[in-house]
């Protein structure tokens, strides 16, 4: 998985909740912030998921934030 495809996945999941432009900006920023590149480190993805979950609570509530954050990174699996 590359940072671009993870970023695209995050933007697609968050788009309906934040708007397409905001979701894209958030996704690209978080991938850059957590240094997610061509080789995806599961620890970095977990940290990104947790950060994203905390940020989404204000927009969608705690339960939905948890499920959205998990959905954003569900395509990342150890090889």
PDB file of N, CA and C in Angstrom:
ATOM      1  N   UNK A   1       0.863  -1.174   0.000  1.00  0.00           N
ATOM      2  CA  UNK A   1       0.000   0.000   0.000  1.00  0.00           C
ATOM      3  C   UNK A   1       0.896   1.219   0.000  1.00  0.00           C
ATOM      4  N   UNK A   2       0.582   2.158  -0.821  1.00  0.00           N
ATOM      5  CA  UNK A   2       1.362   3.391  -0.853  1.00  0.00           C
ATOM      6  C   UNK A   2       0.631   4.477  -0.088  1.00  0.00           C
ATOM      7  N   UNK A   3       1.366   5.545   0.218  1.00  0.00           N
ATOM      8  CA  UNK A   3       0.754   6.670   0.918  1.00  0.00           C
ATOM      9  C   UNK A   3      -0.368   7.269   0.086  1.00  0.00           C
ATOM     10  N   UNK A   4      -0.199   7.275  -1.227  1.00  0.00           N
ATOM     11  CA  UNK A   4      -1.230   7.842  -2.097  1.00  0.00           C
ATOM     12  C   UNK A   4      -2.514   7.036  -1.982  1.00  0.00           C
ATOM     13  N   UNK A   5      -2.433   5.730  -2.031  1.00  0.00           N
ATOM     14  CA  UNK A   5      -3.652   4.935  -1.972  1.00  0.00           C
ATOM     15  C   UNK A   5      -4.283   4.971  -0.585  1.00  0.00           C
ATOM     16  N   UNK A   6      -3.476   5.023   0.474  1.00  0.00           N
ATOM     17  CA  UNK A   6      -4.045   5.164   1.814  1.00  0.00           C
ATOM     18  C   UNK A   6      -4.703   6.532   1.942  1.00  0.00           C
ATOM     19  N   UNK A   7      -4.047   7.548   1.422  1.00  0.00           N
ATOM     20  CA  UNK A   7      -4.611   8.890   1.446  1.00  0.00           C
ATOM     21  C   UNK A   7      -5.938   8.934   0.687  1.00  0.00           C
ATOM     22  N   UNK A   8      -5.970   8.286  -0.470  1.00  0.00           N
ATOM     23  CA  UNK A   8      -7.213   8.237  -1.248  1.00  0.00           C
ATOM     24  C   UNK A   8      -8.318   7.510  -0.496  1.00  0.00           C
ATOM     25  N   UNK A   9      -7.957   6.429   0.180  1.00  0.00           N
ATOM     26  CA  UNK A   9      -8.943   5.656   0.953  1.00  0.00           C
ATOM     27  C   UNK A   9      -9.516   6.519   2.080  1.00  0.00           C
ATOM     28  N   UNK A  10      -8.647   7.194   2.803  1.00  0.00           N
ATOM     29  CA  UNK A  10      -9.095   8.051   3.901  1.00  0.00           C
ATOM     30  C   UNK A  10     -10.012   9.151   3.375  1.00  0.00           C
ATOM     31  N   UNK A  11      -9.613   9.788   2.284  1.00  0.00           N
ATOM     32  CA  UNK A  11     -10.423  10.864   1.701  1.00  0.00           C
ATOM     33  C   UNK A  11     -11.791  10.351   1.263  1.00  0.00           C
ATOM     34  N   UNK A  12     -11.824   9.166   0.683  1.00  0.00           N
ATOM     35  CA  UNK A  12     -13.101   8.599   0.237  1.00  0.00           C
ATOM     36  C   UNK A  12     -14.033   8.294   1.403  1.00  0.00           C
ATOM     37  N   UNK A  13     -13.468   7.781   2.484  1.00  0.00           N
ATOM     38  CA  UNK A  13     -14.281   7.445   3.661  1.00  0.00           C
ATOM     39  C   UNK A  13     -14.792   8.703   4.347  1.00  0.00           C
ATOM     40  N   UNK A  14     -13.935   9.706   4.460  1.00  0.00           N
ATOM     41  CA  UNK A  14     -14.298  10.916   5.199  1.00  0.00           C
ATOM     42  C   UNK A  14     -15.071  11.943   4.370  1.00  0.00           C
ATOM     43  N   UNK A  15     -14.998  11.841   3.054  1.00  0.00           N
ATOM     44  CA  UNK A  15     -15.646  12.807   2.172  1.00  0.00           C
ATOM     45  C   UNK A  15     -17.102  13.098   2.486  1.00  0.00           C
ATOM     46  N   UNK A  16     -17.921  12.082   2.669  1.00  0.00           N
ATOM     47  CA  UNK A  16     -19.335  12.351   2.964  1.00  0.00           C
ATOM     48  C   UNK A  16     -19.566  13.073   4.296  1.00  0.00           C
ATOM     49  N   UNK A  17     -18.594  13.006   5.189  1.00  0.00           N
ATOM     50  CA  UNK A  17     -18.760  13.598   6.522  1.00  0.00           C
ATOM     51  C   UNK A  17     -18.110  14.979   6.650  1.00  0.00           C
ATOM     52  N   UNK A  18     -17.026  15.183   5.912  1.00  0.00           N
ATOM     53  CA  UNK A  18     -16.277  16.445   6.028  1.00  0.00           C
ATOM     54  C   UNK A  18     -16.319  17.297   4.769  1.00  0.00           C
ATOM     55  N   UNK A  19     -16.787  16.731   3.682  1.00  0.00           N
ATOM     56  CA  UNK A  19     -16.701  17.385   2.386  1.00  0.00           C
ATOM     57  C   UNK A  19     -15.449  16.895   1.679  1.00  0.00           C
ATOM     58  N   UNK A  20     -15.507  16.814   0.367  1.00  0.00           N
ATOM     59  CA  UNK A  20     -14.411  16.222  -0.408  1.00  0.00           C
ATOM     60  C   UNK A  20     -13.082  16.952  -0.233  1.00  0.00           C
ATOM     61  N   UNK A  21     -13.100  18.269  -0.292  1.00  0.00           N
ATOM     62  CA  UNK A  21     -11.841  19.022  -0.199  1.00  0.00           C
ATOM     63  C   UNK A  21     -11.218  18.911   1.190  1.00  0.00           C
ATOM     64  N   UNK A  22     -12.035  19.036   2.219  1.00  0.00           N
ATOM     65  CA  UNK A  22     -11.511  18.913   3.585  1.00  0.00           C
ATOM     66  C   UNK A  22     -10.985  17.509   3.841  1.00  0.00           C
ATOM     67  N   UNK A  23     -11.723  16.514   3.392  1.00  0.00           N
ATOM     68  CA  UNK A  23     -11.297  15.125   3.592  1.00  0.00           C
ATOM     69  C   UNK A  23      -9.975  14.853   2.888  1.00  0.00           C
ATOM     70  N   UNK A  24      -9.816  15.358   1.676  1.00  0.00           N
ATOM     71  CA  UNK A  24      -8.578  15.165   0.932  1.00  0.00           C
ATOM     72  C   UNK A  24      -7.415  15.846   1.644  1.00  0.00           C
ATOM     73  N   UNK A  25      -7.630  17.060   2.111  1.00  0.00           N
ATOM     74  CA  UNK A  25      -6.572  17.787   2.821  1.00  0.00           C
ATOM     75  C   UNK A  25      -6.173  17.065   4.101  1.00  0.00           C
ATOM     76  N   UNK A  26      -7.149  16.603   4.851  1.00  0.00           N
ATOM     77  CA  UNK A  26      -6.874  15.868   6.090  1.00  0.00           C
ATOM     78  C   UNK A  26      -6.087  14.599   5.781  1.00  0.00           C
ATOM     79  N   UNK A  27      -6.522  13.863   4.786  1.00  0.00           N
ATOM     80  CA  UNK A  27      -5.875  12.595   4.444  1.00  0.00           C
ATOM     81  C   UNK A  27      -4.412  12.799   4.041  1.00  0.00           C
ATOM     82  N   UNK A  28      -4.173  13.761   3.190  1.00  0.00           N
ATOM     83  CA  UNK A  28      -2.797  14.007   2.737  1.00  0.00           C
ATOM     84  C   UNK A  28      -1.920  14.505   3.884  1.00  0.00           C
ATOM     85  N   UNK A  29      -2.475  15.379   4.694  1.00  0.00           N
ATOM     86  CA  UNK A  29      -1.719  15.905   5.837  1.00  0.00           C
ATOM     87  C   UNK A  29      -1.350  14.793   6.811  1.00  0.00           C
ATOM     88  N   UNK A  30      -2.311  13.936   7.139  1.00  0.00           N
ATOM     89  CA  UNK A  30      -2.035  12.876   8.114  1.00  0.00           C
ATOM     90  C   UNK A  30      -1.021  11.863   7.599  1.00  0.00           C
ATOM     91  N   UNK A  31      -1.108  11.506   6.335  1.00  0.00           N
ATOM     92  CA  UNK A  31      -0.112  10.576   5.778  1.00  0.00           C
ATOM     93  C   UNK A  31       1.279  11.194   5.827  1.00  0.00           C
ATOM     94  N   UNK A  32       1.380  12.475   5.528  1.00  0.00           N
ATOM     95  CA  UNK A  32       2.669  13.161   5.606  1.00  0.00           C
ATOM     96  C   UNK A  32       3.142  13.274   7.054  1.00  0.00           C
ATOM     97  N   UNK A  33       2.247  13.648   7.948  1.00  0.00           N
ATOM     98  CA  UNK A  33       2.590  13.825   9.358  1.00  0.00           C
ATOM     99  C   UNK A  33       3.117  12.536   9.968  1.00  0.00           C
ATOM    100  N   UNK A  34       2.503  11.416   9.630  1.00  0.00           N
ATOM    101  CA  UNK A  34       2.901  10.135  10.204  1.00  0.00           C
ATOM    102  C   UNK A  34       3.935   9.399   9.356  1.00  0.00           C
ATOM    103  N   UNK A  35       4.410  10.038   8.303  1.00  0.00           N
ATOM    104  CA  UNK A  35       5.473   9.456   7.495  1.00  0.00           C
ATOM    105  C   UNK A  35       5.086   8.158   6.828  1.00  0.00           C
ATOM    106  N   UNK A  36       3.857   8.087   6.387  1.00  0.00           N
ATOM    107  CA  UNK A  36       3.387   6.868   5.733  1.00  0.00           C
ATOM    108  C   UNK A  36       3.726   6.969   4.255  1.00  0.00           C
ATOM    109  N   UNK A  37       4.611   6.093   3.830  1.00  0.00           N
ATOM    110  CA  UNK A  37       5.088   6.098   2.451  1.00  0.00           C
ATOM    111  C   UNK A  37       4.822   4.775   1.774  1.00  0.00           C
ATOM    112  N   UNK A  38       5.721   4.390   0.878  1.00  0.00           N
ATOM    113  CA  UNK A  38       5.560   3.150   0.113  1.00  0.00           C
ATOM    114  C   UNK A  38       5.506   1.930   1.025  1.00  0.00           C
ATOM    115  N   UNK A  39       6.381   1.895   2.022  1.00  0.00           N
ATOM    116  CA  UNK A  39       6.354   0.796   2.985  1.00  0.00           C
ATOM    117  C   UNK A  39       5.565   1.282   4.188  1.00  0.00           C
ATOM    118  N   UNK A  40       4.447   0.626   4.430  1.00  0.00           N
ATOM    119  CA  UNK A  40       3.535   1.070   5.485  1.00  0.00           C
ATOM    120  C   UNK A  40       3.877   0.362   6.790  1.00  0.00           C
ATOM    121  N   UNK A  41       4.210   1.155   7.785  1.00  0.00           N
ATOM    122  CA  UNK A  41       4.519   0.641   9.117  1.00  0.00           C
ATOM    123  C   UNK A  41       3.215   0.514   9.904  1.00  0.00           C
ATOM    124  N   UNK A  42       2.868  -0.692  10.344  1.00  0.00           N
ATOM    125  CA  UNK A  42       1.612  -0.884  11.077  1.00  0.00           C
ATOM    126  C   UNK A  42       1.490  -0.007  12.329  1.00  0.00           C
ATOM    127  N   UNK A  43       2.608   0.283  12.989  1.00  0.00           N
ATOM    128  CA  UNK A  43       2.564   1.140  14.178  1.00  0.00           C
ATOM    129  C   UNK A  43       2.183   2.570  13.808  1.00  0.00           C
ATOM    130  N   UNK A  44       2.698   3.051  12.678  1.00  0.00           N
ATOM    131  CA  UNK A  44       2.358   4.402  12.223  1.00  0.00           C
ATOM    132  C   UNK A  44       0.890   4.480  11.806  1.00  0.00           C
ATOM    133  N   UNK A  45       0.411   3.425  11.167  1.00  0.00           N
ATOM    134  CA  UNK A  45      -0.992   3.395  10.755  1.00  0.00           C
ATOM    135  C   UNK A  45      -1.898   3.372  11.981  1.00  0.00           C
ATOM    136  N   UNK A  46      -1.517   2.628  13.006  1.00  0.00           N
ATOM    137  CA  UNK A  46      -2.307   2.584  14.243  1.00  0.00           C
ATOM    138  C   UNK A  46      -2.335   3.956  14.911  1.00  0.00           C
ATOM    139  N   UNK A  47      -1.195   4.639  14.917  1.00  0.00           N
ATOM    140  CA  UNK A  47      -1.135   5.983  15.506  1.00  0.00           C
ATOM    141  C   UNK A  47      -2.005   6.955  14.709  1.00  0.00           C
ATOM    142  N   UNK A  48      -1.962   6.857  13.379  1.00  0.00           N
ATOM    143  CA  UNK A  48      -2.797   7.703  12.525  1.00  0.00           C
ATOM    144  C   UNK A  48      -4.273   7.434  12.804  1.00  0.00           C
ATOM    145  N   UNK A  49      -4.641   6.162  12.886  1.00  0.00           N
ATOM    146  CA  UNK A  49      -6.033   5.789  13.164  1.00  0.00           C
ATOM    147  C   UNK A  49      -6.505   6.380  14.496  1.00  0.00           C
ATOM    148  N   UNK A  50      -5.688   6.260  15.525  1.00  0.00           N
ATOM    149  CA  UNK A  50      -6.069   6.774  16.845  1.00  0.00           C
ATOM    150  C   UNK A  50      -6.217   8.289  16.833  1.00  0.00           C
ATOM    151  N   UNK A  51      -5.294   8.970  16.167  1.00  0.00           N
ATOM    152  CA  UNK A  51      -5.364  10.430  16.066  1.00  0.00           C
ATOM    153  C   UNK A  51      -6.615  10.856  15.303  1.00  0.00           C
ATOM    154  N   UNK A  52      -6.862  10.178  14.201  1.00  0.00           N
ATOM    155  CA  UNK A  52      -8.027  10.475  13.373  1.00  0.00           C
ATOM    156  C   UNK A  52      -9.316  10.251  14.155  1.00  0.00           C
ATOM    157  N   UNK A  53      -9.366   9.173  14.904  1.00  0.00           N
ATOM    158  CA  UNK A  53     -10.555   8.880  15.712  1.00  0.00           C
ATOM    159  C   UNK A  53     -10.840  10.000  16.705  1.00  0.00           C
ATOM    160  N   UNK A  54      -9.823  10.455  17.396  1.00  0.00           N
ATOM    161  CA  UNK A  54     -10.019  11.543  18.372  1.00  0.00           C
ATOM    162  C   UNK A  54     -10.509  12.816  17.690  1.00  0.00           C
ATOM    163  N   UNK A  55      -9.983  13.100  16.507  1.00  0.00           N
ATOM    164  CA  UNK A  55     -10.391  14.307  15.787  1.00  0.00           C
ATOM    165  C   UNK A  55     -11.806  14.248  15.245  1.00  0.00           C
ATOM    166  N   UNK A  56     -12.264  13.060  14.902  1.00  0.00           N
ATOM    167  CA  UNK A  56     -13.602  12.909  14.321  1.00  0.00           C
ATOM    168  C   UNK A  56     -14.727  12.969  15.345  1.00  0.00           C
ATOM    169  N   UNK A  57     -14.418  12.770  16.603  1.00  0.00           N
ATOM    170  CA  UNK A  57     -15.456  12.726  17.639  1.00  0.00           C
ATOM    171  C   UNK A  57     -16.336  13.970  17.606  1.00  0.00           C
ATOM    172  N   UNK A  58     -15.748  15.131  17.428  1.00  0.00           N
ATOM    173  CA  UNK A  58     -16.517  16.385  17.420  1.00  0.00           C
ATOM    174  C   UNK A  58     -17.488  16.460  16.246  1.00  0.00           C
ATOM    175  N   UNK A  59     -17.171  15.764  15.156  1.00  0.00           N
ATOM    176  CA  UNK A  59     -18.004  15.826  13.958  1.00  0.00           C
ATOM    177  C   UNK A  59     -19.091  14.758  13.913  1.00  0.00           C
ATOM    178  N   UNK A  60     -18.761  13.554  14.385  1.00  0.00           N
ATOM    179  CA  UNK A  60     -19.697  12.439  14.194  1.00  0.00           C
ATOM    180  C   UNK A  60     -20.012  11.652  15.463  1.00  0.00           C
ATOM    181  N   UNK A  61     -19.449  12.033  16.600  1.00  0.00           N
ATOM    182  CA  UNK A  61     -19.676  11.293  17.839  1.00  0.00           C
ATOM    183  C   UNK A  61     -18.657  10.173  18.012  1.00  0.00           C
ATOM    184  N   UNK A  62     -18.542   9.668  19.239  1.00  0.00           N
ATOM    185  CA  UNK A  62     -17.490   8.707  19.588  1.00  0.00           C
ATOM    186  C   UNK A  62     -17.617   7.372  18.855  1.00  0.00           C
ATOM    187  N   UNK A  63     -18.796   6.801  18.827  1.00  0.00           N
ATOM    188  CA  UNK A  63     -18.967   5.492  18.196  1.00  0.00           C
ATOM    189  C   UNK A  63     -18.696   5.547  16.700  1.00  0.00           C
ATOM    190  N   UNK A  64     -19.268   6.539  16.030  1.00  0.00           N
ATOM    191  CA  UNK A  64     -19.080   6.660  14.583  1.00  0.00           C
ATOM    192  C   UNK A  64     -17.624   7.012  14.269  1.00  0.00           C
ATOM    193  N   UNK A  65     -16.985   7.817  15.116  1.00  0.00           N
ATOM    194  CA  UNK A  65     -15.579   8.163  14.919  1.00  0.00           C
ATOM    195  C   UNK A  65     -14.717   6.903  14.955  1.00  0.00           C
ATOM    196  N   UNK A  66     -15.002   6.019  15.887  1.00  0.00           N
ATOM    197  CA  UNK A  66     -14.245   4.770  15.999  1.00  0.00           C
ATOM    198  C   UNK A  66     -14.389   3.939  14.725  1.00  0.00           C
ATOM    199  N   UNK A  67     -15.618   3.802  14.244  1.00  0.00           N
ATOM    200  CA  UNK A  67     -15.827   2.968  13.055  1.00  0.00           C
ATOM    201  C   UNK A  67     -15.255   3.617  11.790  1.00  0.00           C
ATOM    202  N   UNK A  68     -15.384   4.928  11.663  1.00  0.00           N
ATOM    203  CA  UNK A  68     -14.820   5.612  10.491  1.00  0.00           C
ATOM    204  C   UNK A  68     -13.291   5.522  10.471  1.00  0.00           C
ATOM    205  N   UNK A  69     -12.668   5.730  11.611  1.00  0.00           N
ATOM    206  CA  UNK A  69     -11.210   5.658  11.678  1.00  0.00           C
ATOM    207  C   UNK A  69     -10.730   4.258  11.310  1.00  0.00           C
ATOM    208  N   UNK A  70     -11.427   3.255  11.791  1.00  0.00           N
ATOM    209  CA  UNK A  70     -11.063   1.878  11.446  1.00  0.00           C
ATOM    210  C   UNK A  70     -11.272   1.623   9.960  1.00  0.00           C
ATOM    211  N   UNK A  71     -12.366   2.120   9.413  1.00  0.00           N
ATOM    212  CA  UNK A  71     -12.646   1.942   7.986  1.00  0.00           C
ATOM    213  C   UNK A  71     -11.583   2.623   7.124  1.00  0.00           C
ATOM    214  N   UNK A  72     -11.065   3.748   7.592  1.00  0.00           N
ATOM    215  CA  UNK A  72     -10.049   4.481   6.835  1.00  0.00           C
ATOM    216  C   UNK A  72      -8.784   3.654   6.626  1.00  0.00           C
ATOM    217  N   UNK A  73      -8.464   2.826   7.581  1.00  0.00           N
ATOM    218  CA  UNK A  73      -7.206   2.058   7.493  1.00  0.00           C
ATOM    219  C   UNK A  73      -7.424   0.562   7.332  1.00  0.00           C
ATOM    220  N   UNK A  74      -8.652   0.128   7.084  1.00  0.00           N
ATOM    221  CA  UNK A  74      -8.928  -1.307   7.017  1.00  0.00           C
ATOM    222  C   UNK A  74      -8.261  -2.006   5.852  1.00  0.00           C
ATOM    223  N   UNK A  75      -7.805  -1.270   4.856  1.00  0.00           N
ATOM    224  CA  UNK A  75      -7.136  -1.883   3.713  1.00  0.00           C
ATOM    225  C   UNK A  75      -5.674  -2.188   4.011  1.00  0.00           C
ATOM    226  N   UNK A  76      -5.193  -1.719   5.172  1.00  0.00           N
ATOM    227  CA  UNK A  76      -3.806  -1.953   5.530  1.00  0.00           C
ATOM    228  C   UNK A  76      -3.752  -3.234   6.346  1.00  0.00           C
ATOM    229  N   UNK A  77      -3.086  -4.224   5.787  1.00  0.00           N
ATOM    230  CA  UNK A  77      -2.919  -5.474   6.520  1.00  0.00           C
ATOM    231  C   UNK A  77      -1.473  -5.915   6.420  1.00  0.00           C
ATOM    232  N   UNK A  78      -0.982  -6.572   7.467  1.00  0.00           N
ATOM    233  CA  UNK A  78       0.410  -7.021   7.425  1.00  0.00           C
ATOM    234  C   UNK A  78       0.623  -7.998   6.276  1.00  0.00           C
ATOM    235  N   UNK A  79       1.790  -7.903   5.602  1.00  0.00           N
ATOM    236  CA  UNK A  79       2.059  -8.818   4.490  1.00  0.00           C
ATOM    237  C   UNK A  79       2.739 -10.072   4.963  1.00  0.00           C
TER     238      UNK A  79
END
